[in-house]
C-alpha atoms as a PDB file:
ATOM      1  CA  UNK A   1      26.745 -54.453 183.177  1.00  0.00           C
ATOM      2  CA  UNK A   2      26.292 -56.051 180.067  1.00  0.00           C
ATOM      3  CA  UNK A   3      23.930 -55.470 177.190  1.00  0.00           C
ATOM      4  CA  UNK A   4      21.910 -57.420 175.303  1.00  0.00           C
ATOM      5  CA  UNK A   5      19.791 -57.094 172.323  1.00  0.00           C
ATOM      6  CA  UNK A   6      19.072 -60.655 173.469  1.00  0.00           C
ATOM      7  CA  UNK A   7      16.544 -61.919 176.420  1.00  0.00           C
ATOM      8  CA  UNK A   8      19.024 -63.710 179.300  1.00  0.00           C
ATOM      9  CA  UNK A   9      18.353 -67.075 179.622  1.00  0.00           C
ATOM     10  CA  UNK A  10      14.651 -68.407 180.586  1.00  0.00           C
ATOM     11  CA  UNK A  11      13.903 -70.122 184.223  1.00  0.00           C
ATOM     12  CA  UNK A  12      12.062 -72.872 182.577  1.00  0.00           C
ATOM     13  CA  UNK A  13      13.986 -73.912 178.838  1.00  0.00           C
ATOM     14  CA  UNK A  14      11.303 -75.577 176.509  1.00  0.00           C
ATOM     15  CA  UNK A  15      13.207 -79.316 176.052  1.00  0.00           C
ATOM     16  CA  UNK A  16      12.393 -79.299 172.357  1.00  0.00           C
ATOM     17  CA  UNK A  17      15.190 -80.076 169.778  1.00  0.00           C
ATOM     18  CA  UNK A  18      15.402 -78.634 166.343  1.00  0.00           C
ATOM     19  CA  UNK A  19      17.998 -80.662 164.117  1.00  0.00           C
ATOM     20  CA  UNK A  20      18.763 -78.988 160.190  1.00  0.00           C
ATOM     21  CA  UNK A  21      21.123 -79.434 157.887  1.00  0.00           C
ATOM     22  CA  UNK A  22      22.118 -77.862 154.309  1.00  0.00           C
ATOM     23  CA  UNK A  23      23.886 -78.724 151.580  1.00  0.00           C
ATOM     24  CA  UNK A  24      23.834 -74.761 150.556  1.00  0.00           C
ATOM     25  CA  UNK A  25      26.221 -72.224 152.090  1.00  0.00           C
ATOM     26  CA  UNK A  26      23.568 -69.414 151.246  1.00  0.00           C
ATOM     27  CA  UNK A  27      20.524 -70.923 152.173  1.00  0.00           C
ATOM     28  CA  UNK A  28      22.438 -72.663 155.974  1.00  0.00           C
ATOM     29  CA  UNK A  29      23.797 -68.263 156.439  1.00  0.00           C
ATOM     30  CA  UNK A  30      20.372 -66.933 156.076  1.00  0.00           C
ATOM     31  CA  UNK A  31      18.436 -69.907 158.054  1.00  0.00           C
ATOM     32  CA  UNK A  32      20.953 -70.549 159.978  1.00  0.00           C
ATOM     33  CA  UNK A  33      21.155 -67.110 161.337  1.00  0.00           C
ATOM     34  CA  UNK A  34      17.876 -67.011 161.617  1.00  0.00           C
ATOM     35  CA  UNK A  35      16.961 -70.269 163.426  1.00  0.00           C
ATOM     36  CA  UNK A  36      20.035 -69.920 165.726  1.00  0.00           C
ATOM     37  CA  UNK A  37      18.261 -65.604 166.216  1.00  0.00           C
ATOM     38  CA  UNK A  38      15.199 -66.953 167.546  1.00  0.00           C
ATOM     39  CA  UNK A  39      16.205 -69.435 169.483  1.00  0.00           C
ATOM     40  CA  UNK A  40      18.680 -67.791 171.716  1.00  0.00           C
ATOM     41  CA  UNK A  41      16.659 -63.941 171.386  1.00  0.00           C
ATOM     42  CA  UNK A  42      13.693 -65.820 172.922  1.00  0.00           C
ATOM     43  CA  UNK A  43      16.590 -67.166 176.213  1.00  0.00           C
ATOM     44  CA  UNK A  44      17.124 -70.645 174.705  1.00  0.00           C
ATOM     45  CA  UNK A  45      19.600 -72.422 173.400  1.00  0.00           C
ATOM     46  CA  UNK A  46      21.161 -73.012 169.746  1.00  0.00           C
ATOM     47  CA  UNK A  47      24.649 -75.065 168.953  1.00  0.00           C
ATOM     48  CA  UNK A  48      26.058 -74.929 165.022  1.00  0.00           C
ATOM     49  CA  UNK A  49      28.455 -77.221 164.130  1.00  0.00           C
ATOM     50  CA  UNK A  50      29.728 -75.486 161.500  1.00  0.00           C
ATOM     51  CA  UNK A  51      32.805 -74.308 159.318  1.00  0.00           C
ATOM     52  CA  UNK A  52      34.977 -72.251 160.299  1.00  0.00           C
ATOM     53  CA  UNK A  53      34.722 -69.883 157.514  1.00  0.00           C
ATOM     54  CA  UNK A  54      30.560 -69.842 158.550  1.00  0.00           C
ATOM     55  CA  UNK A  55      31.182 -68.865 161.575  1.00  0.00           C
ATOM     56  CA  UNK A  56      32.886 -65.933 160.647  1.00  0.00           C
ATOM     57  CA  UNK A  57      29.853 -65.260 158.559  1.00  0.00           C
ATOM     58  CA  UNK A  58      27.409 -66.113 160.667  1.00  0.00           C
ATOM     59  CA  UNK A  59      28.450 -64.029 163.170  1.00  0.00           C
ATOM     60  CA  UNK A  60      28.819 -60.842 160.797  1.00  0.00           C
ATOM     61  CA  UNK A  61      24.713 -61.339 159.859  1.00  0.00           C
ATOM     62  CA  UNK A  62      24.347 -61.869 163.947  1.00  0.00           C
ATOM     63  CA  UNK A  63      26.447 -58.175 163.367  1.00  0.00           C
ATOM     64  CA  UNK A  64      25.052 -56.691 160.789  1.00  0.00           C
ATOM     65  CA  UNK A  65      21.691 -57.462 162.333  1.00  0.00           C
ATOM     66  CA  UNK A  66      22.189 -55.608 165.314  1.00  0.00           C
ATOM     67  CA  UNK A  67      22.583 -59.261 167.579  1.00  0.00           C
ATOM     68  CA  UNK A  68      25.228 -59.156 170.440  1.00  0.00           C
ATOM     69  CA  UNK A  69      25.826 -62.596 170.746  1.00  0.00           C
ATOM     70  CA  UNK A  70      28.316 -61.939 173.727  1.00  0.00           C
ATOM     71  CA  UNK A  71      25.998 -62.325 176.853  1.00  0.00           C
ATOM     72  CA  UNK A  72      24.472 -66.233 175.172  1.00  0.00           C
ATOM     73  CA  UNK A  73      27.576 -67.159 174.383  1.00  0.00           C
ATOM     74  CA  UNK A  74      29.088 -66.702 178.000  1.00  0.00           C
ATOM     75  CA  UNK A  75      26.228 -68.288 179.231  1.00  0.00           C
ATOM     76  CA  UNK A  76      26.485 -71.261 176.783  1.00  0.00           C
ATOM     77  CA  UNK A  77      22.995 -70.864 175.187  1.00  0.00           C
ATOM     78  CA  UNK A  78      25.545 -69.685 171.686  1.00  0.00           C
ATOM     79  CA  UNK A  79      27.507 -72.177 170.929  1.00  0.00           C
ATOM     80  CA  UNK A  80      29.883 -72.791 167.788  1.00  0.00           C
ATOM     81  CA  UNK A  81      31.581 -76.269 166.663  1.00  0.00           C
ATOM     82  CA  UNK A  82      33.866 -76.654 164.371  1.00  0.00           C
ATOM     83  CA  UNK A  83      32.616 -78.642 161.706  1.00  0.00           C
ATOM     84  CA  UNK A  84      36.182 -80.807 161.197  1.00  0.00           C
ATOM     85  CA  UNK A  85      36.719 -80.906 164.716  1.00  0.00           C
ATOM     86  CA  UNK A  86      33.635 -82.675 165.185  1.00  0.00           C
ATOM     87  CA  UNK A  87      33.702 -85.418 162.317  1.00  0.00           C
ATOM     88  CA  UNK A  88      37.350 -86.034 163.141  1.00  0.00           C
ATOM     89  CA  UNK A  89      36.579 -86.876 166.858  1.00  0.00           C
ATOM     90  CA  UNK A  90      33.356 -88.992 165.869  1.00  0.00           C
ATOM     91  CA  UNK A  91      35.161 -90.832 162.854  1.00  0.00           C
ATOM     92  CA  UNK A  92      39.396 -91.284 163.554  1.00  0.00           C
ATOM     93  CA  UNK A  93      40.753 -92.403 160.801  1.00  0.00           C
ATOM     94  CA  UNK A  94      37.587 -91.900 158.784  1.00  0.00           C
ATOM     95  CA  UNK A  95      36.350 -95.182 160.130  1.00  0.00           C
ATOM     96  CA  UNK A  96      32.772 -94.191 162.340  1.00  0.00           C
ATOM     97  CA  UNK A  97      34.074 -95.688 165.744  1.00  0.00           C
ATOM     98  CA  UNK A  98      30.210 -96.175 166.883  1.00  0.00           C
ATOM     99  CA  UNK A  99      31.126 -96.616 170.760  1.00  0.00           C
ATOM    100  CA  UNK A 100      33.447 -93.815 170.861  1.00  0.00           C
ATOM    101  CA  UNK A 101      31.060 -92.059 169.044  1.00  0.00           C
ATOM    102  CA  UNK A 102      28.328 -92.693 171.828  1.00  0.00           C
ATOM    103  CA  UNK A 103      30.758 -91.220 174.272  1.00  0.00           C
ATOM    104  CA  UNK A 104      31.726 -88.220 172.116  1.00  0.00           C
ATOM    105  CA  UNK A 105      28.567 -86.499 171.445  1.00  0.00           C
ATOM    106  CA  UNK A 106      26.626 -87.371 174.586  1.00  0.00           C
END
């Protein structure tokens, strides 16, 4: 059986949502890791839309702090999405297509 330093998903999930944007990479890594760890650590979910470099850096921070995301990732509670891929999915040719963006993001 796999072990994790983080709790498993709760039977009742908190429906609140929190969205944060960062313009500074260092703050993204520190705050993003703290916010994600806080959510996943109590059994909730975190979805991080970040660059590939930031994904790797966040993973290193989690490991350095002794937090294993293996189970949370398998349960779909810790998800990283590539920022460039998300932007191009909703902004083909650099223009927002409202109906297409709603379909892909809902």
